Protein backbone atom coordinates (compact mmCIF):
# COMPACT_ATOMS: atom_id res chain seq x y z
CA UNK A 1 17.15 -4.36 -13.64
CA UNK A 2 13.89 -2.45 -13.18
CA UNK A 3 11.65 -3.60 -10.38
CA UNK A 4 7.98 -3.99 -11.26
CA UNK A 5 5.65 -2.29 -8.79
CA UNK A 6 2.47 -4.23 -8.11
CA UNK A 7 -0.66 -2.40 -9.32
CA UNK A 8 -2.16 -2.75 -5.83
CA UNK A 9 0.87 -0.97 -4.39
CA UNK A 10 0.51 1.75 -7.02
CA UNK A 11 -3.08 2.28 -5.88
CA UNK A 12 -2.03 2.31 -2.22
CA UNK A 13 0.69 4.86 -3.03
CA UNK A 14 -1.92 7.13 -4.59
CA UNK A 15 -4.19 6.84 -1.55
CA UNK A 16 -1.23 7.45 0.74
CA UNK A 17 -0.39 10.68 -1.08
CA UNK A 18 -4.03 11.79 -0.84
CA UNK A 19 -4.16 10.99 2.87
CA UNK A 20 -1.21 13.18 3.77
CA UNK A 21 0.31 10.38 5.85
CA UNK A 22 4.00 9.68 5.64
CA UNK A 23 5.06 6.16 4.74
CA UNK A 24 6.25 5.67 8.32
CA UNK A 25 2.93 6.87 9.77
CA UNK A 26 1.03 4.54 7.45
CA UNK A 27 3.19 1.59 8.44
CA UNK A 28 2.54 2.21 12.14
CA UNK A 29 -1.23 2.62 11.61
CA UNK A 30 -1.34 -0.57 9.53
CA UNK A 31 0.77 -2.63 11.93
CA UNK A 32 3.45 -3.22 9.31
CA UNK A 33 7.09 -2.47 9.90
CA UNK A 34 8.35 0.63 8.11
CA UNK A 35 11.01 -1.49 6.41
CA UNK A 36 8.42 -3.95 5.08
CA UNK A 37 6.26 -1.11 3.74
CA UNK A 38 9.30 0.53 2.16
CA UNK A 39 10.19 -2.74 0.47
CA UNK A 40 6.64 -3.15 -0.86
CA UNK A 41 6.45 0.44 -2.07
CA UNK A 42 9.72 -0.02 -3.95
CA UNK A 43 8.76 -3.27 -5.67
CA UNK A 44 10.69 -5.57 -3.35
CA UNK A 45 8.43 -8.35 -2.20
CA UNK A 46 4.85 -9.29 -2.85
CA UNK A 47 2.02 -7.80 -0.84
CA UNK A 48 -0.04 -10.28 1.16
CA UNK A 49 -3.84 -10.17 1.48
CA UNK A 50 -3.74 -9.25 5.18
CA UNK A 51 -1.40 -6.35 4.35
CA UNK A 52 -3.81 -5.03 1.72
CA UNK A 53 -6.58 -5.13 4.32
CA UNK A 54 -4.47 -3.43 6.99
CA UNK A 55 -3.25 -0.71 4.64
CA UNK A 56 -6.70 0.02 3.26
CA UNK A 57 -8.09 0.29 6.79
CA UNK A 58 -5.27 2.60 7.84
CA UNK A 59 -6.00 4.78 4.81
CA UNK A 60 -9.76 4.70 5.47
CA UNK A 61 -10.53 3.30 2.03
CA UNK A 62 -12.25 0.05 1.18
CA UNK A 63 -10.40 -2.82 -0.39
CA UNK A 64 -12.83 -2.50 -3.29
CA UNK A 65 -11.66 1.09 -3.82
CA UNK A 66 -8.04 -0.06 -3.92
CA UNK A 67 -8.89 -2.65 -6.58
CA UNK A 68 -11.24 -0.39 -8.58
CA UNK A 69 -8.31 1.67 -9.68
CA UNK A 70 -6.56 -1.31 -11.21
CA UNK A 71 -8.75 -1.28 -14.33
CA UNK A 72 -8.54 -5.07 -14.51
């Protein structure tokens, strides 16, 4: 069964790649456990609003920027 990756996570993945941070570094900066971030990045679990905020702050991008890329 294929896991569906949340569009917000897809956007965060793109910003993570652009930032040059490793997934582990991002997790630490965002105050999220590396395991939780790994689960989110691999489509296991649903991202919570406070996690979106923490990740966007750790990546130095606005929440609006994360959502702009969704083309909703």
